[in-house]
Amino acid sequence: MSNFSLGDLAHTFMLQRQGAALKANMTRLNEELATGQVSDVKSVLAGNTSYLSDIERDLKTLSGFRVATTEAAQYAESIQLSLERVSDSSERFGTSLLKISSNATGSVLDQFSDDAESQLADIVSILNISVGGRSLFAGDATDQRPMADVEVILDGLRAATTGATTPQDLQTAADIWFNDPAGFVATAYRGSATEIAPLRIGQDEEVSVQIKGDDPIFKDIIKQYALAAIASDAASSLSATDRQELLTEAGRNLFSTQTDMTALRANIGSAQARIDEVATRNATEQTSLQFAKGALLQADPYETATELEAVQFQLQSLYTVTARMSDLSFVNFIR
């Protein structure tokens, strides 16, 4: 019977291959022990990876919705802050107009008109605000500033009220111009007539944050500021008493807009609450899926540590054998 043995070179290659295999196995076990998850997914799932694929797909979808809800929350918050500024400004100025004394002189009344124009410029600036390159009050024309400059608005109103000689005439002419589609909207509103599409924030979940610069509440506020601003125009030839009446009426109307502004802000607040609710639900679902994925791929720490210890022992034994073989010589063999 013939005996076969491996030569020295073959032994060397065999030991190197075994060492590489043991090192790779030890690296894998160290990684599993550190992460707590198996590295060979297919073997754990017995080749059935469809359930894991579904979980990972849902996680990617929820990750996208997390970005969507963050953007929606920022969008709604920016609108809410803008409405708060408009509301505070109109309330303060309306209150100051209501306090005009019956003894107010022409210069005092002129100052109120100047303040009204300045405040109107602030309102227009607020309505022209954009967040992340997207206009808040331009409807679906999010790349455009919705409101024209203050001078355009005042010039349009002056042209519409030409010939009005009493506060009542001015109010009537202003009402007609602001309500006429060919008036204020055609002259001063540069946004879209179409509302911005509802924001999708979840699976089959949408929220509407729809408000434009030509909304009746904004037109009413702008109208009162504009009337107060042109009250001191020399062309109107209004007496001091008429100017007082016009300014006081503008203040009264500005103050009365607070009810509608409160309702509008409440609607935006409801949208914000809806966004927060969906964001919380999405985050909870995402956490649950991450736990499910972790449980599916979880590595037994005790079993992994035991296997790692065995591999380390095998590697040490291999090194010992290799060291002894490399120390062999003919002199040691014949001793």
C-alpha atoms as a PDB file:
ATOM      1  CA  MET A   1       0.000   0.000   0.000  1.00  0.00           C
ATOM      2  CA  SER A   2       1.434   3.328  -1.039  1.00  0.00           C
ATOM      3  CA  ASN A   3       1.653   6.270   1.394  1.00  0.00           C
ATOM      4  CA  PHE A   4       1.146   9.790   0.055  1.00  0.00           C
ATOM      5  CA  SER A   5       2.272  12.953   1.835  1.00  0.00           C
ATOM      6  CA  LEU A   6       2.321  16.649   1.003  1.00  0.00           C
ATOM      7  CA  GLY A   7       5.539  18.401   0.151  1.00  0.00           C
ATOM      8  CA  ASP A   8       6.888  21.387   2.055  1.00  0.00           C
ATOM      9  CA  LEU A   9       5.547  23.940  -0.469  1.00  0.00           C
ATOM     10  CA  ALA A  10       2.099  22.350  -0.449  1.00  0.00           C
ATOM     11  CA  HIS A  11       2.117  22.376   3.351  1.00  0.00           C
ATOM     12  CA  THR A  12       3.001  26.075   3.302  1.00  0.00           C
ATOM     13  CA  PHE A  13       0.179  26.913   0.937  1.00  0.00           C
ATOM     14  CA  MET A  14      -2.274  24.826   2.950  1.00  0.00           C
ATOM     15  CA  LEU A  15      -1.311  26.577   6.193  1.00  0.00           C
ATOM     16  CA  GLN A  16      -1.566  29.985   4.558  1.00  0.00           C
ATOM     17  CA  ARG A  17      -5.035  29.165   3.246  1.00  0.00           C
ATOM     18  CA  GLN A  18      -6.194  27.919   6.623  1.00  0.00           C
ATOM     19  CA  GLY A  19      -4.781  31.016   8.298  1.00  0.00           C
ATOM     20  CA  ALA A  20      -6.535  33.338   5.868  1.00  0.00           C
ATOM     21  CA  ALA A  21      -9.819  31.490   6.379  1.00  0.00           C
ATOM     22  CA  LEU A  22      -9.505  31.675  10.160  1.00  0.00           C
ATOM     23  CA  LYS A  23      -8.642  35.393  10.038  1.00  0.00           C
ATOM     24  CA  ALA A  24     -11.650  36.127   7.822  1.00  0.00           C
ATOM     25  CA  ASN A  25     -13.882  34.150  10.156  1.00  0.00           C
ATOM     26  CA  MET A  26     -12.497  35.992  13.174  1.00  0.00           C
ATOM     27  CA  THR A  27     -13.072  39.373  11.465  1.00  0.00           C
ATOM     28  CA  ARG A  28     -16.663  38.383  10.730  1.00  0.00           C
ATOM     29  CA  LEU A  29     -17.280  37.280  14.311  1.00  0.00           C
ATOM     30  CA  ASN A  30     -15.709  40.448  15.729  1.00  0.00           C
ATOM     31  CA  GLU A  31     -17.989  42.525  13.509  1.00  0.00           C
ATOM     32  CA  GLU A  32     -21.071  40.563  14.538  1.00  0.00           C
ATOM     33  CA  LEU A  33     -20.125  40.880  18.199  1.00  0.00           C
ATOM     34  CA  ALA A  34     -19.651  44.651  17.835  1.00  0.00           C
ATOM     35  CA  THR A  35     -22.791  45.359  15.773  1.00  0.00           C
ATOM     36  CA  GLY A  36     -25.022  42.666  17.232  1.00  0.00           C
ATOM     37  CA  GLN A  37     -26.126  41.644  13.732  1.00  0.00           C
ATOM     38  CA  VAL A  38     -25.215  38.716  11.549  1.00  0.00           C
ATOM     39  CA  SER A  39     -23.154  39.401   8.440  1.00  0.00           C
ATOM     40  CA  ASP A  40     -24.389  36.476   6.367  1.00  0.00           C
ATOM     41  CA  VAL A  41     -28.006  37.553   5.888  1.00  0.00           C
ATOM     42  CA  LYS A  42     -28.945  34.890   3.354  1.00  0.00           C
ATOM     43  CA  SER A  43     -27.912  32.007   5.568  1.00  0.00           C
ATOM     44  CA  VAL A  44     -29.894  33.388   8.516  1.00  0.00           C
ATOM     45  CA  LEU A  45     -33.007  33.903   6.400  1.00  0.00           C
ATOM     46  CA  ALA A  46     -32.515  30.595   4.581  1.00  0.00           C
ATOM     47  CA  GLY A  47     -32.506  32.485   1.290  1.00  0.00           C
ATOM     48  CA  ASN A  48     -35.961  34.020   1.855  1.00  0.00           C
ATOM     49  CA  THR A  49     -35.126  37.751   1.836  1.00  0.00           C
ATOM     50  CA  SER A  50     -38.510  39.090   0.668  1.00  0.00           C
ATOM     51  CA  TYR A  51     -39.629  40.026   4.191  1.00  0.00           C
ATOM     52  CA  LEU A  52     -36.371  41.865   4.822  1.00  0.00           C
ATOM     53  CA  SER A  53     -36.693  43.618   1.457  1.00  0.00           C
ATOM     54  CA  ASP A  54     -40.184  44.806   2.412  1.00  0.00           C
ATOM     55  CA  ILE A  55     -38.896  46.202   5.695  1.00  0.00           C
ATOM     56  CA  GLU A  56     -36.012  48.022   4.009  1.00  0.00           C
ATOM     57  CA  ARG A  57     -38.333  49.439   1.341  1.00  0.00           C
ATOM     58  CA  ASP A  58     -40.717  50.743   4.000  1.00  0.00           C
ATOM     59  CA  LEU A  59     -37.802  52.269   5.903  1.00  0.00           C
ATOM     60  CA  LYS A  60     -36.650  54.135   2.793  1.00  0.00           C
ATOM     61  CA  THR A  61     -40.191  55.377   2.185  1.00  0.00           C
ATOM     62  CA  LEU A  62     -40.523  56.601   5.769  1.00  0.00           C
ATOM     63  CA  SER A  63     -37.137  58.280   5.532  1.00  0.00           C
ATOM     64  CA  GLY A  64     -38.453  60.236   2.540  1.00  0.00           C
ATOM     65  CA  PHE A  65     -41.607  61.182   4.429  1.00  0.00           C
ATOM     66  CA  ARG A  66     -39.457  62.379   7.334  1.00  0.00           C
ATOM     67  CA  VAL A  67     -37.870  64.913   4.981  1.00  0.00           C
ATOM     68  CA  ALA A  68     -41.326  65.823   3.632  1.00  0.00           C
ATOM     69  CA  THR A  69     -42.815  66.420   7.092  1.00  0.00           C
ATOM     70  CA  THR A  70     -39.790  68.490   8.115  1.00  0.00           C
ATOM     71  CA  GLU A  71     -40.187  70.706   5.048  1.00  0.00           C
ATOM     72  CA  ALA A  72     -43.959  70.936   5.549  1.00  0.00           C
ATOM     73  CA  ALA A  73     -43.517  71.904   9.197  1.00  0.00           C
ATOM     74  CA  GLN A  74     -41.024  74.604   8.252  1.00  0.00           C
ATOM     75  CA  TYR A  75     -43.349  75.890   5.512  1.00  0.00           C
ATOM     76  CA  ALA A  76     -46.372  76.055   7.849  1.00  0.00           C
ATOM     77  CA  GLU A  77     -44.338  77.631  10.645  1.00  0.00           C
ATOM     78  CA  SER A  78     -43.060  80.348   8.297  1.00  0.00           C
ATOM     79  CA  ILE A  79     -46.630  81.146   7.230  1.00  0.00           C
ATOM     80  CA  GLN A  80     -47.761  81.221  10.850  1.00  0.00           C
ATOM     81  CA  LEU A  81     -44.995  83.642  11.813  1.00  0.00           C
ATOM     82  CA  SER A  82     -45.813  85.860   8.830  1.00  0.00           C
ATOM     83  CA  LEU A  83     -49.481  85.956   9.792  1.00  0.00           C
ATOM     84  CA  GLU A  84     -48.520  86.828  13.349  1.00  0.00           C
ATOM     85  CA  ARG A  85     -46.471  89.784  12.120  1.00  0.00           C
ATOM     86  CA  VAL A  86     -49.307  91.030   9.901  1.00  0.00           C
ATOM     87  CA  SER A  87     -51.804  90.619  12.740  1.00  0.00           C
ATOM     88  CA  ASP A  88     -49.645  92.398  15.311  1.00  0.00           C
ATOM     89  CA  SER A  89     -48.863  95.252  12.924  1.00  0.00           C
ATOM     90  CA  SER A  90     -52.478  95.868  11.903  1.00  0.00           C
ATOM     91  CA  GLU A  91     -53.685  95.637  15.500  1.00  0.00           C
ATOM     92  CA  ARG A  92     -51.134  98.142  16.763  1.00  0.00           C
ATOM     93  CA  PHE A  93     -51.650 100.619  13.941  1.00  0.00           C
ATOM     94  CA  GLY A  94     -55.429 100.229  14.038  1.00  0.00           C
ATOM     95  CA  THR A  95     -55.378 101.022  17.746  1.00  0.00           C
ATOM     96  CA  SER A  96     -53.236 104.121  17.180  1.00  0.00           C
ATOM     97  CA  LEU A  97     -55.617 105.373  14.478  1.00  0.00           C
ATOM     98  CA  LEU A  98     -58.582 104.938  16.798  1.00  0.00           C
ATOM     99  CA  LYS A  99     -56.870 107.227  19.289  1.00  0.00           C
ATOM    100  CA  ILE A 100     -56.652 110.191  16.905  1.00  0.00           C
ATOM    101  CA  SER A 101     -57.769 113.297  18.744  1.00  0.00           C
ATOM    102  CA  SER A 102     -60.531 115.445  17.306  1.00  0.00           C
ATOM    103  CA  ASN A 103     -58.096 118.349  17.754  1.00  0.00           C
ATOM    104  CA  ALA A 104     -55.368 116.732  15.637  1.00  0.00           C
ATOM    105  CA  THR A 105     -53.751 119.255  13.299  1.00  0.00           C
ATOM    106  CA  GLY A 106     -52.792 118.792   9.680  1.00  0.00           C
ATOM    107  CA  SER A 107     -49.156 117.926  10.457  1.00  0.00           C
ATOM    108  CA  VAL A 108     -50.232 115.210  12.908  1.00  0.00           C
ATOM    109  CA  LEU A 109     -52.611 113.741  10.371  1.00  0.00           C
ATOM    110  CA  ASP A 110     -49.865 113.874   7.751  1.00  0.00           C
ATOM    111  CA  GLN A 111     -47.646 111.849  10.069  1.00  0.00           C
ATOM    112  CA  PHE A 112     -50.328 109.177  10.423  1.00  0.00           C
ATOM    113  CA  SER A 113     -50.540 108.927   6.631  1.00  0.00           C
ATOM    114  CA  ASP A 114     -46.755 108.658   6.359  1.00  0.00           C
ATOM    115  CA  ASP A 115     -46.768 105.933   9.020  1.00  0.00           C
ATOM    116  CA  ALA A 116     -49.522 104.105   7.141  1.00  0.00           C
ATOM    117  CA  GLU A 117     -47.431 104.035   3.952  1.00  0.00           C
ATOM    118  CA  SER A 118     -44.410 102.791   5.888  1.00  0.00           C
ATOM    119  CA  GLN A 119     -46.487 100.108   7.620  1.00  0.00           C
ATOM    120  CA  LEU A 120     -47.990  99.081   4.274  1.00  0.00           C
ATOM    121  CA  ALA A 121     -44.477  98.598   2.914  1.00  0.00           C
ATOM    122  CA  ASP A 122     -43.803  96.226   5.821  1.00  0.00           C
ATOM    123  CA  ILE A 123     -47.002  94.262   5.087  1.00  0.00           C
ATOM    124  CA  VAL A 124     -46.038  93.915   1.421  1.00  0.00           C
ATOM    125  CA  SER A 125     -42.553  92.785   2.442  1.00  0.00           C
ATOM    126  CA  ILE A 126     -44.045  90.122   4.721  1.00  0.00           C
ATOM    127  CA  LEU A 127     -46.317  88.823   1.963  1.00  0.00           C
ATOM    128  CA  ASN A 128     -43.349  88.662  -0.412  1.00  0.00           C
ATOM    129  CA  ILE A 129     -41.299  86.491   1.925  1.00  0.00           C
ATOM    130  CA  SER A 130     -39.900  83.218   0.632  1.00  0.00           C
ATOM    131  CA  VAL A 131     -38.469  80.222   2.470  1.00  0.00           C
ATOM    132  CA  GLY A 132     -36.057  77.848   0.807  1.00  0.00           C
ATOM    133  CA  GLY A 133     -36.533  79.697  -2.476  1.00  0.00           C
ATOM    134  CA  ARG A 134     -40.314  79.204  -2.353  1.00  0.00           C
ATOM    135  CA  SER A 135     -42.753  82.122  -2.004  1.00  0.00           C
ATOM    136  CA  LEU A 136     -45.284  81.565   0.750  1.00  0.00           C
ATOM    137  CA  PHE A 137     -48.205  83.620  -0.573  1.00  0.00           C
ATOM    138  CA  ALA A 138     -47.952  83.270  -4.361  1.00  0.00           C
ATOM    139  CA  GLY A 139     -50.095  80.148  -4.761  1.00  0.00           C
ATOM    140  CA  ASP A 140     -48.485  77.559  -7.003  1.00  0.00           C
ATOM    141  CA  ALA A 141     -46.262  80.245  -8.589  1.00  0.00           C
ATOM    142  CA  THR A 142     -43.735  79.659  -5.818  1.00  0.00           C
ATOM    143  CA  ASP A 143     -40.900  81.222  -7.817  1.00  0.00           C
ATOM    144  CA  GLN A 144     -42.533  84.681  -7.939  1.00  0.00           C
ATOM    145  CA  ARG A 145     -43.021  87.567  -5.526  1.00  0.00           C
ATOM    146  CA  PRO A 146     -46.807  87.820  -5.101  1.00  0.00           C
ATOM    147  CA  MET A 147     -47.123  91.520  -4.325  1.00  0.00           C
ATOM    148  CA  ALA A 148     -46.170  94.592  -6.340  1.00  0.00           C
ATOM    149  CA  ASP A 149     -44.355  97.524  -4.727  1.00  0.00           C
ATOM    150  CA  VAL A 150     -46.240  99.896  -2.442  1.00  0.00           C
ATOM    151  CA  GLU A 151     -46.068 102.705  -5.001  1.00  0.00           C
ATOM    152  CA  VAL A 152     -47.901 100.534  -7.554  1.00  0.00           C
ATOM    153  CA  ILE A 153     -50.684  99.798  -5.058  1.00  0.00           C
ATOM    154  CA  LEU A 154     -51.081 103.429  -3.980  1.00  0.00           C
ATOM    155  CA  ASP A 155     -50.982 104.754  -7.532  1.00  0.00           C
ATOM    156  CA  GLY A 156     -53.663 102.252  -8.539  1.00  0.00           C
ATOM    157  CA  LEU A 157     -55.875 103.279  -5.626  1.00  0.00           C
ATOM    158  CA  ARG A 158     -55.353 106.988  -6.343  1.00  0.00           C
ATOM    159  CA  ALA A 159     -56.452 106.479  -9.931  1.00  0.00           C
ATOM    160  CA  ALA A 160     -59.508 104.506  -8.789  1.00  0.00           C
ATOM    161  CA  THR A 161     -60.552 107.176  -6.277  1.00  0.00           C
ATOM    162  CA  THR A 162     -60.099 110.177  -8.538  1.00  0.00           C
ATOM    163  CA  GLY A 163     -63.011 112.533  -8.061  1.00  0.00           C
ATOM    164  CA  ALA A 164     -63.972 111.246  -4.609  1.00  0.00           C
ATOM    165  CA  THR A 165     -64.451 114.222  -2.293  1.00  0.00           C
ATOM    166  CA  THR A 166     -65.757 112.632   0.910  1.00  0.00           C
ATOM    167  CA  PRO A 167     -64.552 109.809   3.157  1.00  0.00           C
ATOM    168  CA  GLN A 168     -67.594 107.770   2.119  1.00  0.00           C
ATOM    169  CA  ASP A 169     -66.814 108.271  -1.571  1.00  0.00           C
ATOM    170  CA  LEU A 170     -63.208 107.202  -1.009  1.00  0.00           C
ATOM    171  CA  GLN A 171     -64.286 104.084   0.872  1.00  0.00           C
ATOM    172  CA  THR A 172     -66.806 103.149  -1.822  1.00  0.00           C
ATOM    173  CA  ALA A 173     -64.327 103.660  -4.660  1.00  0.00           C
ATOM    174  CA  ALA A 174     -61.676 101.688  -2.752  1.00  0.00           C
ATOM    175  CA  ASP A 175     -64.118  98.818  -2.152  1.00  0.00           C
ATOM    176  CA  ILE A 176     -64.918  98.654  -5.847  1.00  0.00           C
ATOM    177  CA  TRP A 177     -61.259  98.714  -6.911  1.00  0.00           C
ATOM    178  CA  PHE A 178     -60.140  96.055  -4.426  1.00  0.00           C
ATOM    179  CA  ASN A 179     -63.038  93.736  -5.302  1.00  0.00           C
ATOM    180  CA  ASP A 180     -62.813  94.204  -9.057  1.00  0.00           C
ATOM    181  CA  PRO A 181     -60.721  91.418 -10.727  1.00  0.00           C
ATOM    182  CA  ALA A 182     -59.419  94.112 -13.053  1.00  0.00           C
ATOM    183  CA  GLY A 183     -58.527  96.317 -10.083  1.00  0.00           C
ATOM    184  CA  PHE A 184     -56.246  95.371  -7.210  1.00  0.00           C
ATOM    185  CA  VAL A 185     -55.623  91.759  -8.288  1.00  0.00           C
ATOM    186  CA  ALA A 186     -54.723  92.711 -11.849  1.00  0.00           C
ATOM    187  CA  THR A 187     -52.613  95.674 -10.711  1.00  0.00           C
ATOM    188  CA  ALA A 188     -50.864  94.533  -7.558  1.00  0.00           C
ATOM    189  CA  TYR A 189     -51.082  90.736  -7.232  1.00  0.00           C
ATOM    190  CA  ARG A 190     -48.337  88.939  -9.183  1.00  0.00           C
ATOM    191  CA  GLY A 191     -48.878  85.427  -7.848  1.00  0.00           C
ATOM    192  CA  SER A 192     -50.936  82.567  -9.256  1.00  0.00           C
ATOM    193  CA  ALA A 193     -54.708  82.266  -9.144  1.00  0.00           C
ATOM    194  CA  THR A 194     -54.243  78.576  -8.351  1.00  0.00           C
ATOM    195  CA  GLU A 195     -53.630  77.362  -4.826  1.00  0.00           C
ATOM    196  CA  ILE A 196     -50.471  75.430  -4.058  1.00  0.00           C
ATOM    197  CA  ALA A 197     -51.035  71.677  -4.134  1.00  0.00           C
ATOM    198  CA  PRO A 198     -51.552  69.885  -0.806  1.00  0.00           C
ATOM    199  CA  LEU A 199     -48.331  68.673   0.794  1.00  0.00           C
ATOM    200  CA  ARG A 200     -47.911  64.907   0.950  1.00  0.00           C
ATOM    201  CA  ILE A 201     -46.529  63.977   4.344  1.00  0.00           C
ATOM    202  CA  GLY A 202     -47.283  60.256   4.652  1.00  0.00           C
ATOM    203  CA  GLN A 203     -48.750  57.209   3.031  1.00  0.00           C
ATOM    204  CA  ASP A 204     -52.137  58.456   1.806  1.00  0.00           C
ATOM    205  CA  GLU A 205     -51.642  61.515   4.035  1.00  0.00           C
ATOM    206  CA  GLU A 206     -51.807  65.091   2.754  1.00  0.00           C
ATOM    207  CA  VAL A 207     -52.144  68.471   4.423  1.00  0.00           C
ATOM    208  CA  SER A 208     -53.319  71.723   2.853  1.00  0.00           C
ATOM    209  CA  VAL A 209     -51.550  74.964   3.752  1.00  0.00           C
ATOM    210  CA  GLN A 210     -53.221  77.141   1.154  1.00  0.00           C
ATOM    211  CA  ILE A 211     -53.267  80.921   1.442  1.00  0.00           C
ATOM    212  CA  LYS A 212     -52.456  83.549  -1.187  1.00  0.00           C
ATOM    213  CA  GLY A 213     -51.659  87.246  -1.228  1.00  0.00           C
ATOM    214  CA  ASP A 214     -55.003  88.021  -2.856  1.00  0.00           C
ATOM    215  CA  ASP A 215     -56.937  86.457   0.029  1.00  0.00           C
ATOM    216  CA  PRO A 216     -59.824  88.741   1.121  1.00  0.00           C
ATOM    217  CA  ILE A 217     -58.284  89.272   4.556  1.00  0.00           C
ATOM    218  CA  PHE A 218     -55.044  90.593   3.047  1.00  0.00           C
ATOM    219  CA  LYS A 219     -56.915  92.764   0.546  1.00  0.00           C
ATOM    220  CA  ASP A 220     -58.930  94.278   3.394  1.00  0.00           C
ATOM    221  CA  ILE A 221     -55.839  95.019   5.494  1.00  0.00           C
ATOM    222  CA  ILE A 222     -53.947  96.506   2.543  1.00  0.00           C
ATOM    223  CA  LYS A 223     -57.002  98.605   1.629  1.00  0.00           C
ATOM    224  CA  GLN A 224     -57.189 100.194   5.083  1.00  0.00           C
ATOM    225  CA  TYR A 225     -53.462 101.006   5.129  1.00  0.00           C
ATOM    226  CA  ALA A 226     -53.666 102.402   1.599  1.00  0.00           C
ATOM    227  CA  LEU A 227     -56.675 104.604   2.426  1.00  0.00           C
ATOM    228  CA  ALA A 228     -54.883 105.939   5.492  1.00  0.00           C
ATOM    229  CA  ALA A 229     -51.802 106.606   3.345  1.00  0.00           C
ATOM    230  CA  ILE A 230     -53.660 108.667   0.716  1.00  0.00           C
ATOM    231  CA  ALA A 231     -55.810 110.517   3.254  1.00  0.00           C
ATOM    232  CA  SER A 232     -53.374 113.419   3.220  1.00  0.00           C
ATOM    233  CA  ASP A 233     -53.107 113.681  -0.564  1.00  0.00           C
ATOM    234  CA  ALA A 234     -53.569 117.264  -1.673  1.00  0.00           C
ATOM    235  CA  ALA A 235     -55.587 116.046  -4.657  1.00  0.00           C
ATOM    236  CA  SER A 236     -58.309 114.679  -2.396  1.00  0.00           C
ATOM    237  CA  SER A 237     -59.020 118.146  -0.935  1.00  0.00           C
ATOM    238  CA  LEU A 238     -60.352 116.564   2.256  1.00  0.00           C
ATOM    239  CA  SER A 239     -60.867 118.768   5.260  1.00  0.00           C
ATOM    240  CA  ALA A 240     -59.117 117.994   8.539  1.00  0.00           C
ATOM    241  CA  THR A 241     -62.371 116.598   9.895  1.00  0.00           C
ATOM    242  CA  ASP A 242     -62.810 114.357   6.842  1.00  0.00           C
ATOM    243  CA  ARG A 243     -59.223 113.121   7.147  1.00  0.00           C
ATOM    244  CA  GLN A 244     -59.792 112.342  10.821  1.00  0.00           C
ATOM    245  CA  GLU A 245     -62.915 110.417   9.905  1.00  0.00           C
ATOM    246  CA  LEU A 246     -61.139 108.476   7.142  1.00  0.00           C
ATOM    247  CA  LEU A 247     -58.178 107.594   9.360  1.00  0.00           C
ATOM    248  CA  THR A 248     -60.398 106.605  12.269  1.00  0.00           C
ATOM    249  CA  GLU A 249     -62.569 104.418  10.021  1.00  0.00           C
ATOM    250  CA  ALA A 250     -59.412 102.762   8.646  1.00  0.00           C
ATOM    251  CA  GLY A 251     -58.270 102.070  12.193  1.00  0.00           C
ATOM    252  CA  ARG A 252     -61.660 100.632  13.111  1.00  0.00           C
ATOM    253  CA  ASN A 253     -61.588  98.340  10.077  1.00  0.00           C
ATOM    254  CA  LEU A 254     -57.999  97.262  10.752  1.00  0.00           C
ATOM    255  CA  PHE A 255     -58.935  96.389  14.303  1.00  0.00           C
ATOM    256  CA  SER A 256     -61.950  94.381  13.120  1.00  0.00           C
ATOM    257  CA  THR A 257     -59.772  92.249  10.830  1.00  0.00           C
ATOM    258  CA  GLN A 258     -58.301  90.570  13.912  1.00  0.00           C
ATOM    259  CA  THR A 259     -61.217  88.135  14.101  1.00  0.00           C
ATOM    260  CA  ASP A 260     -60.577  86.865  10.581  1.00  0.00           C
ATOM    261  CA  MET A 261     -56.819  86.806  11.166  1.00  0.00           C
ATOM    262  CA  THR A 262     -57.318  84.720  14.300  1.00  0.00           C
ATOM    263  CA  ALA A 263     -59.459  82.242  12.357  1.00  0.00           C
ATOM    264  CA  LEU A 264     -56.875  82.084   9.580  1.00  0.00           C
ATOM    265  CA  ARG A 265     -54.053  81.472  12.036  1.00  0.00           C
ATOM    266  CA  ALA A 266     -56.147  78.788  13.727  1.00  0.00           C
ATOM    267  CA  ASN A 267     -56.484  76.988  10.376  1.00  0.00           C
ATOM    268  CA  ILE A 268     -52.726  77.078   9.896  1.00  0.00           C
ATOM    269  CA  GLY A 269     -52.333  75.864  13.473  1.00  0.00           C
ATOM    270  CA  SER A 270     -54.562  72.896  12.697  1.00  0.00           C
ATOM    271  CA  ALA A 271     -52.379  72.079   9.702  1.00  0.00           C
ATOM    272  CA  GLN A 272     -49.288  72.310  11.914  1.00  0.00           C
ATOM    273  CA  ALA A 273     -50.852  69.929  14.435  1.00  0.00           C
ATOM    274  CA  ARG A 274     -51.700  67.520  11.620  1.00  0.00           C
ATOM    275  CA  ILE A 275     -48.129  67.622  10.342  1.00  0.00           C
ATOM    276  CA  ASP A 276     -46.767  66.946  13.842  1.00  0.00           C
ATOM    277  CA  GLU A 277     -49.196  64.072  14.309  1.00  0.00           C
ATOM    278  CA  VAL A 278     -48.214  62.385  11.046  1.00  0.00           C
ATOM    279  CA  ALA A 279     -44.507  63.009  11.682  1.00  0.00           C
ATOM    280  CA  THR A 280     -44.794  61.340  15.100  1.00  0.00           C
ATOM    281  CA  ARG A 281     -46.678  58.391  13.643  1.00  0.00           C
ATOM    282  CA  ASN A 282     -44.123  57.989  10.857  1.00  0.00           C
ATOM    283  CA  ALA A 283     -41.267  58.105  13.364  1.00  0.00           C
ATOM    284  CA  THR A 284     -42.963  55.474  15.534  1.00  0.00           C
ATOM    285  CA  GLU A 285     -43.489  53.197  12.545  1.00  0.00           C
ATOM    286  CA  GLN A 286     -39.890  53.703  11.464  1.00  0.00           C
ATOM    287  CA  THR A 287     -38.637  52.753  14.924  1.00  0.00           C
ATOM    288  CA  SER A 288     -40.823  49.634  14.942  1.00  0.00           C
ATOM    289  CA  LEU A 289     -39.476  48.547  11.561  1.00  0.00           C
ATOM    290  CA  GLN A 290     -35.917  49.122  12.711  1.00  0.00           C
ATOM    291  CA  PHE A 291     -36.565  46.918  15.749  1.00  0.00           C
ATOM    292  CA  ALA A 292     -38.101  44.250  13.501  1.00  0.00           C
ATOM    293  CA  LYS A 293     -35.096  44.349  11.198  1.00  0.00           C
ATOM    294  CA  GLY A 294     -32.733  44.181  14.157  1.00  0.00           C
ATOM    295  CA  ALA A 295     -34.561  41.191  15.629  1.00  0.00           C
ATOM    296  CA  LEU A 296     -34.482  39.438  12.266  1.00  0.00           C
ATOM    297  CA  LEU A 297     -30.751  39.881  11.840  1.00  0.00           C
ATOM    298  CA  GLN A 298     -29.739  39.772  15.481  1.00  0.00           C
ATOM    299  CA  ALA A 299     -26.668  37.716  16.314  1.00  0.00           C
ATOM    300  CA  ASP A 300     -26.619  35.671  19.545  1.00  0.00           C
ATOM    301  CA  PRO A 301     -23.846  37.363  21.554  1.00  0.00           C
ATOM    302  CA  TYR A 302     -23.089  34.265  23.650  1.00  0.00           C
ATOM    303  CA  GLU A 303     -22.890  31.990  20.627  1.00  0.00           C
ATOM    304  CA  THR A 304     -20.814  34.532  18.715  1.00  0.00           C
ATOM    305  CA  ALA A 305     -18.377  34.995  21.613  1.00  0.00           C
ATOM    306  CA  THR A 306     -18.012  31.211  22.017  1.00  0.00           C
ATOM    307  CA  GLU A 307     -17.357  30.757  18.317  1.00  0.00           C
ATOM    308  CA  LEU A 308     -14.894  33.645  18.334  1.00  0.00           C
ATOM    309  CA  GLU A 309     -12.977  32.092  21.204  1.00  0.00           C
ATOM    310  CA  ALA A 310     -12.797  28.777  19.312  1.00  0.00           C
ATOM    311  CA  VAL A 311     -11.503  30.488  16.182  1.00  0.00           C
ATOM    312  CA  GLN A 312      -8.879  32.368  18.187  1.00  0.00           C
ATOM    313  CA  PHE A 313      -7.717  29.059  19.707  1.00  0.00           C
ATOM    314  CA  GLN A 314      -7.545  27.454  16.246  1.00  0.00           C
ATOM    315  CA  LEU A 315      -5.545  30.390  14.905  1.00  0.00           C
ATOM    316  CA  GLN A 316      -3.109  30.208  17.818  1.00  0.00           C
ATOM    317  CA  SER A 317      -2.694  26.462  17.242  1.00  0.00           C
ATOM    318  CA  LEU A 318      -2.036  27.063  13.566  1.00  0.00           C
ATOM    319  CA  TYR A 319       0.607  29.651  14.391  1.00  0.00           C
ATOM    320  CA  THR A 320       2.246  27.205  16.794  1.00  0.00           C
ATOM    321  CA  VAL A 321       2.351  24.434  14.186  1.00  0.00           C
ATOM    322  CA  THR A 322       3.679  26.846  11.578  1.00  0.00           C
ATOM    323  CA  ALA A 323       6.408  28.039  13.928  1.00  0.00           C
ATOM    324  CA  ARG A 324       7.488  24.496  14.731  1.00  0.00           C
ATOM    325  CA  MET A 325       7.578  23.488  11.052  1.00  0.00           C
ATOM    326  CA  SER A 326       9.671  26.501  10.176  1.00  0.00           C
ATOM    327  CA  ASP A 327      12.159  25.493  12.898  1.00  0.00           C
ATOM    328  CA  LEU A 328      12.756  21.988  11.438  1.00  0.00           C
ATOM    329  CA  SER A 329      16.226  21.151  10.097  1.00  0.00           C
ATOM    330  CA  PHE A 330      18.158  18.061   9.100  1.00  0.00           C
ATOM    331  CA  VAL A 331      20.322  18.366  12.230  1.00  0.00           C
ATOM    332  CA  ASN A 332      17.213  18.404  14.460  1.00  0.00           C
ATOM    333  CA  PHE A 333      15.738  15.500  12.492  1.00  0.00           C
ATOM    334  CA  ILE A 334      18.769  13.134  13.027  1.00  0.00           C
ATOM    335  CA  ARG A 335      19.135  13.875  16.712  1.00  0.00           C
END
